[in-house]
């Protein structure tokens, strides 16, 4: 039964992630992102990491995605010209996808790491232990994710800004 729940949540998350990438409407893309984060939170809950699932829903789905939605709605983005795919774009995307699948396959075959037997409580067992791990071991990834969110928010603002030509400009 656990395998079916995990597979269902994983498929839901991947489908929602595809909706984020393939959606032409920014509001629908943000709503798909919200559902994708809910699927990831469901995976955390399925792994008995209830605090991480709750924090993911509360902080990212509740605050960050809503902030993106407010920015998109405030700036009133209109659809621009449709971007045509060229053969070079398609070929480079297929090569990149093939390299990604090849790398994941090589890691799955040769890169298996032997994990030692757990000696103490689980990583997410207590809030103190989780905070210690988050601010010591995982500080750099958390900061990188924060900067990526900031960059994406600035990107949304820059892409949605309407550049109006003033008279007399070249």
Protein backbone atom coordinates (compact mmCIF):
# COMPACT_ATOMS: atom_id res chain seq x y z
CA UNK A 1 0.00 0.00 0.00
CA UNK A 2 2.85 2.41 0.83
CA UNK A 3 4.34 1.86 -2.61
CA UNK A 4 1.08 2.93 -4.28
CA UNK A 5 0.79 6.06 -2.14
CA UNK A 6 4.39 7.02 -2.91
CA UNK A 7 3.93 6.36 -6.62
CA UNK A 8 0.67 8.33 -6.73
CA UNK A 9 2.15 11.32 -4.93
CA UNK A 10 5.25 11.20 -7.13
CA UNK A 11 3.22 11.11 -10.34
CA UNK A 12 1.02 13.94 -9.08
CA UNK A 13 4.11 16.04 -8.27
CA UNK A 14 5.76 15.38 -11.63
CA UNK A 15 2.56 16.17 -13.57
CA UNK A 16 2.14 19.43 -11.64
CA UNK A 17 5.81 20.30 -12.27
CA UNK A 18 5.23 19.77 -15.98
CA UNK A 19 2.22 22.06 -15.68
CA UNK A 20 4.47 24.75 -14.21
CA UNK A 21 6.95 24.50 -17.07
CA UNK A 22 4.52 24.07 -19.96
CA UNK A 23 1.82 26.56 -18.94
CA UNK A 24 1.68 29.76 -20.97
CA UNK A 25 -0.48 31.57 -18.44
CA UNK A 26 1.59 32.76 -15.46
CA UNK A 27 -1.30 32.48 -12.99
CA UNK A 28 -2.02 28.89 -14.00
CA UNK A 29 1.70 28.11 -13.76
CA UNK A 30 1.81 29.49 -10.22
CA UNK A 31 -1.24 27.43 -9.27
CA UNK A 32 0.46 24.32 -10.67
CA UNK A 33 3.50 25.23 -8.56
CA UNK A 34 1.24 25.37 -5.52
CA UNK A 35 -0.08 21.88 -6.29
CA UNK A 36 3.46 20.62 -6.93
CA UNK A 37 4.58 21.87 -3.51
CA UNK A 38 1.52 20.22 -1.95
CA UNK A 39 2.56 16.94 -3.57
CA UNK A 40 6.08 17.29 -2.17
CA UNK A 41 4.63 18.04 1.26
CA UNK A 42 2.53 14.88 0.90
CA UNK A 43 5.73 12.94 0.20
CA UNK A 44 7.29 14.37 3.36
CA UNK A 45 4.24 13.37 5.38
CA UNK A 46 4.38 9.90 3.83
CA UNK A 47 8.00 9.65 5.02
CA UNK A 48 6.85 10.62 8.56
CA UNK A 49 8.56 14.02 8.36
CA UNK A 50 5.45 15.88 9.46
CA UNK A 51 7.24 19.07 10.45
CA UNK A 52 8.98 19.41 7.08
CA UNK A 53 5.71 18.84 5.25
CA UNK A 54 3.94 21.45 7.35
CA UNK A 55 6.75 23.99 6.97
CA UNK A 56 6.83 23.41 3.21
CA UNK A 57 3.11 24.04 2.93
CA UNK A 58 3.14 26.98 5.30
CA UNK A 59 6.21 28.85 4.06
CA UNK A 60 6.54 28.02 0.39
CA UNK A 61 3.00 27.17 -0.70
CA UNK A 62 1.38 29.64 1.65
CA UNK A 63 3.74 32.58 1.36
CA UNK A 64 6.10 32.38 -1.58
CA UNK A 65 3.62 31.14 -4.20
CA UNK A 66 1.02 33.63 -3.00
CA UNK A 67 3.65 36.37 -3.32
CA UNK A 68 4.33 35.26 -6.89
CA UNK A 69 0.61 35.28 -7.62
CA UNK A 70 0.20 38.77 -6.21
CA UNK A 71 3.16 40.03 -8.26
CA UNK A 72 1.85 38.47 -11.45
CA UNK A 73 -1.66 39.80 -10.88
CA UNK A 74 -0.41 43.24 -9.81
CA UNK A 75 1.75 43.63 -12.91
CA UNK A 76 -1.10 42.43 -15.15
CA UNK A 77 1.04 40.36 -17.47
CA UNK A 78 -0.23 40.03 -21.00
CA UNK A 79 0.80 37.19 -23.24
CA UNK A 80 3.60 38.18 -25.56
CA UNK A 81 4.42 36.84 -28.99
CA UNK A 82 4.56 33.07 -29.23
CA UNK A 83 8.11 31.76 -29.24
CA UNK A 84 8.82 29.41 -32.12
CA UNK A 85 10.95 26.38 -31.44
CA UNK A 86 13.88 25.89 -33.76
CA UNK A 87 15.51 22.58 -34.60
CA UNK A 88 18.56 23.59 -32.55
CA UNK A 89 16.41 24.12 -29.44
CA UNK A 90 14.76 20.74 -29.82
CA UNK A 91 18.04 18.90 -30.44
CA UNK A 92 19.80 20.59 -27.52
CA UNK A 93 16.86 19.78 -25.23
CA UNK A 94 16.91 16.13 -26.26
CA UNK A 95 20.69 15.90 -25.78
CA UNK A 96 20.39 17.48 -22.33
CA UNK A 97 17.59 15.11 -21.35
CA UNK A 98 19.58 12.12 -22.60
CA UNK A 99 22.65 13.19 -20.61
CA UNK A 100 20.50 13.63 -17.51
CA UNK A 101 18.97 10.17 -17.87
CA UNK A 102 22.42 8.67 -18.57
CA UNK A 103 23.89 10.34 -15.49
CA UNK A 104 21.03 9.18 -13.28
CA UNK A 105 21.39 5.65 -14.66
CA UNK A 106 25.13 5.64 -14.00
CA UNK A 107 24.55 6.86 -10.46
CA UNK A 108 21.88 4.24 -9.88
CA UNK A 109 24.14 1.44 -11.14
CA UNK A 110 27.56 2.39 -9.79
CA UNK A 111 27.03 5.16 -7.30
CA UNK A 112 25.19 3.35 -4.57
CA UNK A 113 26.30 4.54 -1.20
CA UNK A 114 26.34 2.26 1.78
CA UNK A 115 24.58 3.90 4.66
CA UNK A 116 25.56 3.02 8.21
CA UNK A 117 22.96 1.67 10.57
CA UNK A 118 21.14 4.44 12.45
CA UNK A 119 22.47 4.90 15.95
CA UNK A 120 20.22 7.58 17.37
CA UNK A 121 16.91 9.28 16.74
CA UNK A 122 15.90 10.17 13.21
CA UNK A 123 17.05 13.49 11.73
CA UNK A 124 13.64 15.12 12.01
CA UNK A 125 12.80 13.62 15.38
CA UNK A 126 13.11 16.81 17.40
CA UNK A 127 12.91 20.50 16.56
CA UNK A 128 16.29 21.18 18.19
CA UNK A 129 18.03 18.51 16.14
CA UNK A 130 16.32 19.70 12.95
CA UNK A 131 17.34 23.32 13.60
CA UNK A 132 20.91 22.29 14.34
CA UNK A 133 21.12 20.32 11.09
CA UNK A 134 19.46 23.09 9.10
CA UNK A 135 21.78 25.86 10.32
CA UNK A 136 25.01 23.85 10.28
CA UNK A 137 25.00 21.04 7.74
CA UNK A 138 22.42 22.39 5.29
CA UNK A 139 23.02 26.14 5.61
CA UNK A 140 24.49 26.57 2.12
CA UNK A 141 21.65 24.78 0.25
CA UNK A 142 19.05 26.78 2.18
CA UNK A 143 20.79 30.05 1.27
CA UNK A 144 21.12 28.97 -2.38
CA UNK A 145 17.40 28.21 -2.55
CA UNK A 146 16.64 31.61 -1.01
CA UNK A 147 18.77 33.35 -3.64
CA UNK A 148 17.13 31.31 -6.43
CA UNK A 149 13.71 32.41 -5.18
CA UNK A 150 14.87 36.03 -5.09
CA UNK A 151 16.31 35.78 -8.61
CA UNK A 152 13.11 34.21 -9.93
CA UNK A 153 11.00 36.94 -8.33
CA UNK A 154 13.17 39.66 -9.88
CA UNK A 155 12.98 37.78 -13.19
CA UNK A 156 9.18 37.81 -13.07
CA UNK A 157 9.20 41.54 -12.49
CA UNK A 158 11.71 42.21 -15.30
CA UNK A 159 9.94 39.97 -17.79
CA UNK A 160 6.54 41.44 -17.07
CA UNK A 161 7.67 45.09 -17.16
CA UNK A 162 6.25 46.89 -20.15
CA UNK A 163 8.91 48.77 -22.03
CA UNK A 164 7.26 51.78 -23.61
CA UNK A 165 9.15 53.70 -26.21
CA UNK A 166 9.36 57.39 -25.54
CA UNK A 167 9.28 59.89 -28.35
CA UNK A 168 12.67 60.75 -29.73
CA UNK A 169 14.36 57.60 -28.50
CA UNK A 170 16.41 55.64 -31.05
